Amino acid sequence: MRYGDTLLFCSYGLWNIARDPIIEDILNLYTPDDPASAADVLLQKASDAGGPNNMSAIVVSMLQSQSPEQSSGLHAVAIPAGLHIPLRDA
C-alpha cells in the first residue's frame, strides 16, 4: 500500500449486496477523513438492501505522516470499539 490508498476488508455478505460502484462511491466520499463512517455507511447500505445480519467491514486509509519521525510503522486511524489490538513495547 502507498500513502493515499484505501483498503476495504469485508465479508461476502456485504460485497454481494453493495457491489463495486456503490462501494467505490462511499469510500470516495468518506475516506480518508472518516474511514470508520465509511465502514458504517457500507454496512447500513447493504443492510437496507436486505443483506444478512452478520456482515463485517474494515476500512483502512493510509495517510501521510506529518513528520519524518512518524513515517515508519502503521498508525491506526479508526478502530471499532469491539476490536482489541495488543500493543508491543518499543
N, C-alpha and C. Protein backbone atom coordinates (compact mmCIF):
# COMPACT_ATOMS: atom_id res chain seq x y z
N MET A 1 0.84 -1.19 0.00
CA MET A 1 0.00 0.00 0.00
C MET A 1 0.88 1.24 0.00
N ARG A 2 0.34 2.28 -0.60
CA ARG A 2 1.04 3.56 -0.63
C ARG A 2 0.19 4.61 0.05
N TYR A 3 0.80 5.72 0.40
CA TYR A 3 0.05 6.82 1.01
C TYR A 3 -1.11 7.21 0.11
N GLY A 4 -2.26 7.43 0.70
CA GLY A 4 -3.44 7.81 -0.04
C GLY A 4 -4.32 6.65 -0.46
N ASP A 5 -3.79 5.43 -0.36
CA ASP A 5 -4.58 4.25 -0.73
C ASP A 5 -5.62 3.94 0.35
N THR A 6 -6.70 3.32 -0.08
CA THR A 6 -7.75 2.85 0.82
C THR A 6 -7.92 1.36 0.60
N LEU A 7 -8.05 0.64 1.69
CA LEU A 7 -8.21 -0.81 1.62
C LEU A 7 -9.47 -1.19 2.38
N LEU A 8 -10.32 -2.00 1.75
CA LEU A 8 -11.55 -2.46 2.37
C LEU A 8 -11.47 -3.96 2.57
N PHE A 9 -11.63 -4.40 3.80
CA PHE A 9 -11.81 -5.81 4.12
C PHE A 9 -13.28 -5.96 4.44
N CYS A 10 -13.97 -6.85 3.73
CA CYS A 10 -15.39 -7.02 4.02
C CYS A 10 -15.81 -8.47 3.80
N SER A 11 -16.90 -8.81 4.43
CA SER A 11 -17.45 -10.15 4.27
C SER A 11 -18.17 -10.26 2.94
N TYR A 12 -18.38 -11.48 2.51
CA TYR A 12 -19.09 -11.72 1.26
C TYR A 12 -20.52 -11.17 1.34
N GLY A 13 -21.12 -11.23 2.52
CA GLY A 13 -22.48 -10.71 2.68
C GLY A 13 -22.59 -9.24 2.31
N LEU A 14 -21.60 -8.45 2.67
CA LEU A 14 -21.61 -7.03 2.31
C LEU A 14 -21.34 -6.87 0.82
N TRP A 15 -20.29 -7.52 0.33
CA TRP A 15 -19.89 -7.34 -1.07
C TRP A 15 -20.96 -7.85 -2.03
N ASN A 16 -21.66 -8.91 -1.66
CA ASN A 16 -22.68 -9.49 -2.53
C ASN A 16 -23.87 -8.54 -2.70
N ILE A 17 -24.13 -7.67 -1.72
CA ILE A 17 -25.25 -6.73 -1.78
C ILE A 17 -24.79 -5.37 -2.30
N ALA A 18 -23.75 -4.79 -1.70
CA ALA A 18 -23.24 -3.46 -2.10
C ALA A 18 -22.06 -3.70 -3.04
N ARG A 19 -22.33 -3.70 -4.33
CA ARG A 19 -21.30 -4.04 -5.31
C ARG A 19 -20.34 -2.88 -5.56
N ASP A 20 -19.38 -3.10 -6.44
CA ASP A 20 -18.25 -2.20 -6.64
C ASP A 20 -18.61 -0.73 -6.83
N PRO A 21 -19.58 -0.36 -7.68
CA PRO A 21 -19.86 1.07 -7.86
C PRO A 21 -20.33 1.74 -6.55
N ILE A 22 -21.16 1.07 -5.79
CA ILE A 22 -21.64 1.62 -4.52
C ILE A 22 -20.50 1.73 -3.53
N ILE A 23 -19.70 0.68 -3.45
CA ILE A 23 -18.55 0.67 -2.53
C ILE A 23 -17.59 1.80 -2.89
N GLU A 24 -17.28 1.95 -4.17
CA GLU A 24 -16.36 2.99 -4.62
C GLU A 24 -16.89 4.38 -4.28
N ASP A 25 -18.17 4.62 -4.53
CA ASP A 25 -18.76 5.93 -4.22
C ASP A 25 -18.66 6.25 -2.73
N ILE A 26 -18.97 5.29 -1.89
CA ILE A 26 -18.95 5.52 -0.44
C ILE A 26 -17.52 5.73 0.05
N LEU A 27 -16.59 4.91 -0.42
CA LEU A 27 -15.19 5.08 0.01
C LEU A 27 -14.63 6.42 -0.44
N ASN A 28 -14.98 6.85 -1.65
CA ASN A 28 -14.51 8.16 -2.13
C ASN A 28 -15.10 9.31 -1.33
N LEU A 29 -16.32 9.15 -0.85
CA LEU A 29 -17.00 10.21 -0.11
C LEU A 29 -16.46 10.35 1.32
N TYR A 30 -16.20 9.24 2.00
CA TYR A 30 -15.86 9.28 3.42
C TYR A 30 -14.38 9.12 3.73
N THR A 31 -13.63 8.46 2.86
CA THR A 31 -12.24 8.16 3.16
C THR A 31 -11.36 9.16 2.44
N PRO A 32 -10.26 9.67 2.99
CA PRO A 32 -9.59 9.25 4.20
C PRO A 32 -10.04 9.96 5.47
N ASP A 33 -10.91 10.97 5.36
CA ASP A 33 -11.26 11.76 6.54
C ASP A 33 -11.94 10.95 7.64
N ASP A 34 -12.74 9.96 7.28
CA ASP A 34 -13.51 9.24 8.28
C ASP A 34 -13.74 7.78 7.86
N PRO A 35 -12.69 6.94 7.91
CA PRO A 35 -12.84 5.56 7.46
C PRO A 35 -13.85 4.77 8.28
N ALA A 36 -14.01 5.08 9.56
CA ALA A 36 -15.00 4.38 10.39
C ALA A 36 -16.41 4.64 9.88
N SER A 37 -16.69 5.87 9.49
CA SER A 37 -18.01 6.20 8.94
C SER A 37 -18.21 5.51 7.59
N ALA A 38 -17.16 5.39 6.80
CA ALA A 38 -17.28 4.68 5.52
C ALA A 38 -17.72 3.24 5.76
N ALA A 39 -17.11 2.57 6.74
CA ALA A 39 -17.50 1.19 7.06
C ALA A 39 -18.94 1.14 7.55
N ASP A 40 -19.33 2.08 8.41
CA ASP A 40 -20.71 2.12 8.92
C ASP A 40 -21.72 2.32 7.79
N VAL A 41 -21.43 3.24 6.88
CA VAL A 41 -22.35 3.52 5.77
C VAL A 41 -22.45 2.31 4.84
N LEU A 42 -21.32 1.67 4.56
CA LEU A 42 -21.35 0.47 3.72
C LEU A 42 -22.24 -0.61 4.33
N LEU A 43 -22.07 -0.84 5.62
CA LEU A 43 -22.87 -1.85 6.30
C LEU A 43 -24.35 -1.48 6.32
N GLN A 44 -24.64 -0.20 6.53
CA GLN A 44 -26.04 0.24 6.56
C GLN A 44 -26.69 0.10 5.18
N LYS A 45 -25.96 0.49 4.12
CA LYS A 45 -26.49 0.37 2.76
C LYS A 45 -26.81 -1.09 2.44
N ALA A 46 -25.89 -1.98 2.77
CA ALA A 46 -26.10 -3.40 2.49
C ALA A 46 -27.24 -3.96 3.33
N SER A 47 -27.33 -3.54 4.57
CA SER A 47 -28.42 -4.00 5.44
C SER A 47 -29.77 -3.51 4.92
N ASP A 48 -29.83 -2.25 4.52
CA ASP A 48 -31.06 -1.67 3.97
C ASP A 48 -31.50 -2.40 2.69
N ALA A 49 -30.54 -2.95 1.95
CA ALA A 49 -30.84 -3.65 0.71
C ALA A 49 -31.14 -5.14 0.95
N GLY A 50 -31.23 -5.54 2.22
CA GLY A 50 -31.59 -6.92 2.53
C GLY A 50 -30.43 -7.84 2.82
N GLY A 51 -29.26 -7.28 3.10
CA GLY A 51 -28.10 -8.10 3.40
C GLY A 51 -28.26 -8.87 4.71
N PRO A 52 -27.46 -9.92 4.90
CA PRO A 52 -27.54 -10.71 6.13
C PRO A 52 -27.09 -9.89 7.34
N ASN A 53 -27.48 -10.35 8.52
CA ASN A 53 -27.15 -9.58 9.73
C ASN A 53 -25.75 -9.87 10.26
N ASN A 54 -24.97 -10.67 9.56
CA ASN A 54 -23.62 -10.97 10.03
C ASN A 54 -22.54 -10.42 9.09
N MET A 55 -22.78 -9.25 8.55
CA MET A 55 -21.81 -8.61 7.65
C MET A 55 -20.74 -7.90 8.47
N SER A 56 -19.56 -7.75 7.87
CA SER A 56 -18.50 -7.01 8.53
C SER A 56 -17.70 -6.22 7.49
N ALA A 57 -17.10 -5.11 7.96
CA ALA A 57 -16.28 -4.28 7.09
C ALA A 57 -15.22 -3.57 7.91
N ILE A 58 -14.03 -3.52 7.38
CA ILE A 58 -12.92 -2.75 7.96
C ILE A 58 -12.37 -1.89 6.83
N VAL A 59 -12.29 -0.58 7.04
CA VAL A 59 -11.74 0.35 6.06
C VAL A 59 -10.42 0.88 6.59
N VAL A 60 -9.37 0.73 5.80
CA VAL A 60 -8.03 1.21 6.18
C VAL A 60 -7.64 2.31 5.21
N SER A 61 -7.23 3.44 5.75
CA SER A 61 -6.79 4.56 4.93
C SER A 61 -5.34 4.86 5.28
N MET A 62 -4.47 4.84 4.29
CA MET A 62 -3.05 5.13 4.52
C MET A 62 -2.83 6.63 4.36
N LEU A 63 -2.53 7.28 5.47
CA LEU A 63 -2.30 8.72 5.48
C LEU A 63 -0.81 9.02 5.54
N GLN A 64 -0.43 10.11 4.95
CA GLN A 64 0.97 10.52 5.01
C GLN A 64 1.26 11.13 6.37
N SER A 65 2.42 10.80 6.92
CA SER A 65 2.82 11.32 8.22
C SER A 65 3.08 12.81 8.14
N GLN A 66 2.91 13.48 9.25
CA GLN A 66 3.18 14.91 9.33
C GLN A 66 4.66 15.20 9.49
N SER A 67 5.41 14.23 10.03
CA SER A 67 6.84 14.44 10.21
C SER A 67 7.59 13.16 9.84
N PRO A 68 8.86 13.28 9.45
CA PRO A 68 9.64 12.09 9.06
C PRO A 68 9.76 11.07 10.19
N GLU A 69 9.75 11.51 11.45
CA GLU A 69 9.88 10.61 12.58
C GLU A 69 8.68 9.66 12.67
N GLN A 70 7.53 10.07 12.15
CA GLN A 70 6.32 9.25 12.22
C GLN A 70 6.13 8.36 11.00
N SER A 71 7.04 8.42 10.04
CA SER A 71 6.81 7.75 8.78
C SER A 71 7.01 6.24 8.83
N SER A 72 7.64 5.72 9.87
CA SER A 72 7.81 4.27 9.92
C SER A 72 6.71 3.65 10.77
N GLY A 73 6.20 2.54 10.32
CA GLY A 73 5.16 1.83 11.06
C GLY A 73 3.77 2.20 10.58
N LEU A 74 2.80 1.48 11.10
CA LEU A 74 1.40 1.67 10.74
C LEU A 74 0.68 2.33 11.90
N HIS A 75 -0.12 3.33 11.62
CA HIS A 75 -0.87 4.05 12.64
C HIS A 75 -2.35 3.78 12.43
N ALA A 76 -3.05 3.40 13.50
CA ALA A 76 -4.48 3.15 13.38
C ALA A 76 -5.22 4.47 13.25
N VAL A 77 -6.09 4.57 12.25
CA VAL A 77 -6.88 5.77 12.03
C VAL A 77 -8.22 5.64 12.75
N ALA A 78 -8.84 4.47 12.66
CA ALA A 78 -10.11 4.23 13.32
C ALA A 78 -10.16 2.76 13.73
N ILE A 79 -10.50 2.52 14.98
CA ILE A 79 -10.58 1.16 15.49
C ILE A 79 -11.99 0.95 16.03
N PRO A 80 -12.71 -0.05 15.51
CA PRO A 80 -14.04 -0.32 16.05
C PRO A 80 -13.97 -0.62 17.54
N ALA A 81 -15.00 -0.25 18.28
CA ALA A 81 -15.00 -0.39 19.74
C ALA A 81 -14.78 -1.84 20.17
N GLY A 82 -15.24 -2.81 19.38
CA GLY A 82 -15.12 -4.20 19.77
C GLY A 82 -13.81 -4.86 19.39
N LEU A 83 -12.89 -4.13 18.78
CA LEU A 83 -11.63 -4.70 18.32
C LEU A 83 -10.53 -4.37 19.30
N HIS A 84 -9.77 -5.40 19.69
CA HIS A 84 -8.63 -5.19 20.59
C HIS A 84 -7.35 -5.46 19.81
N ILE A 85 -6.46 -4.48 19.79
CA ILE A 85 -5.17 -4.64 19.15
C ILE A 85 -4.09 -4.58 20.23
N PRO A 86 -3.43 -5.71 20.50
CA PRO A 86 -2.38 -5.69 21.53
C PRO A 86 -1.21 -4.84 21.07
N LEU A 87 -0.69 -4.04 21.97
CA LEU A 87 0.43 -3.16 21.65
C LEU A 87 1.71 -3.74 22.21
N ARG A 88 2.77 -3.59 21.46
CA ARG A 88 4.10 -4.04 21.92
C ARG A 88 4.84 -2.84 22.48
N ASP A 89 5.69 -3.11 23.47
CA ASP A 89 6.55 -2.05 23.97
C ASP A 89 7.68 -1.85 22.97
N ALA A 90 7.98 -0.59 22.69
CA ALA A 90 9.02 -0.28 21.70
C ALA A 90 10.38 -0.47 22.28
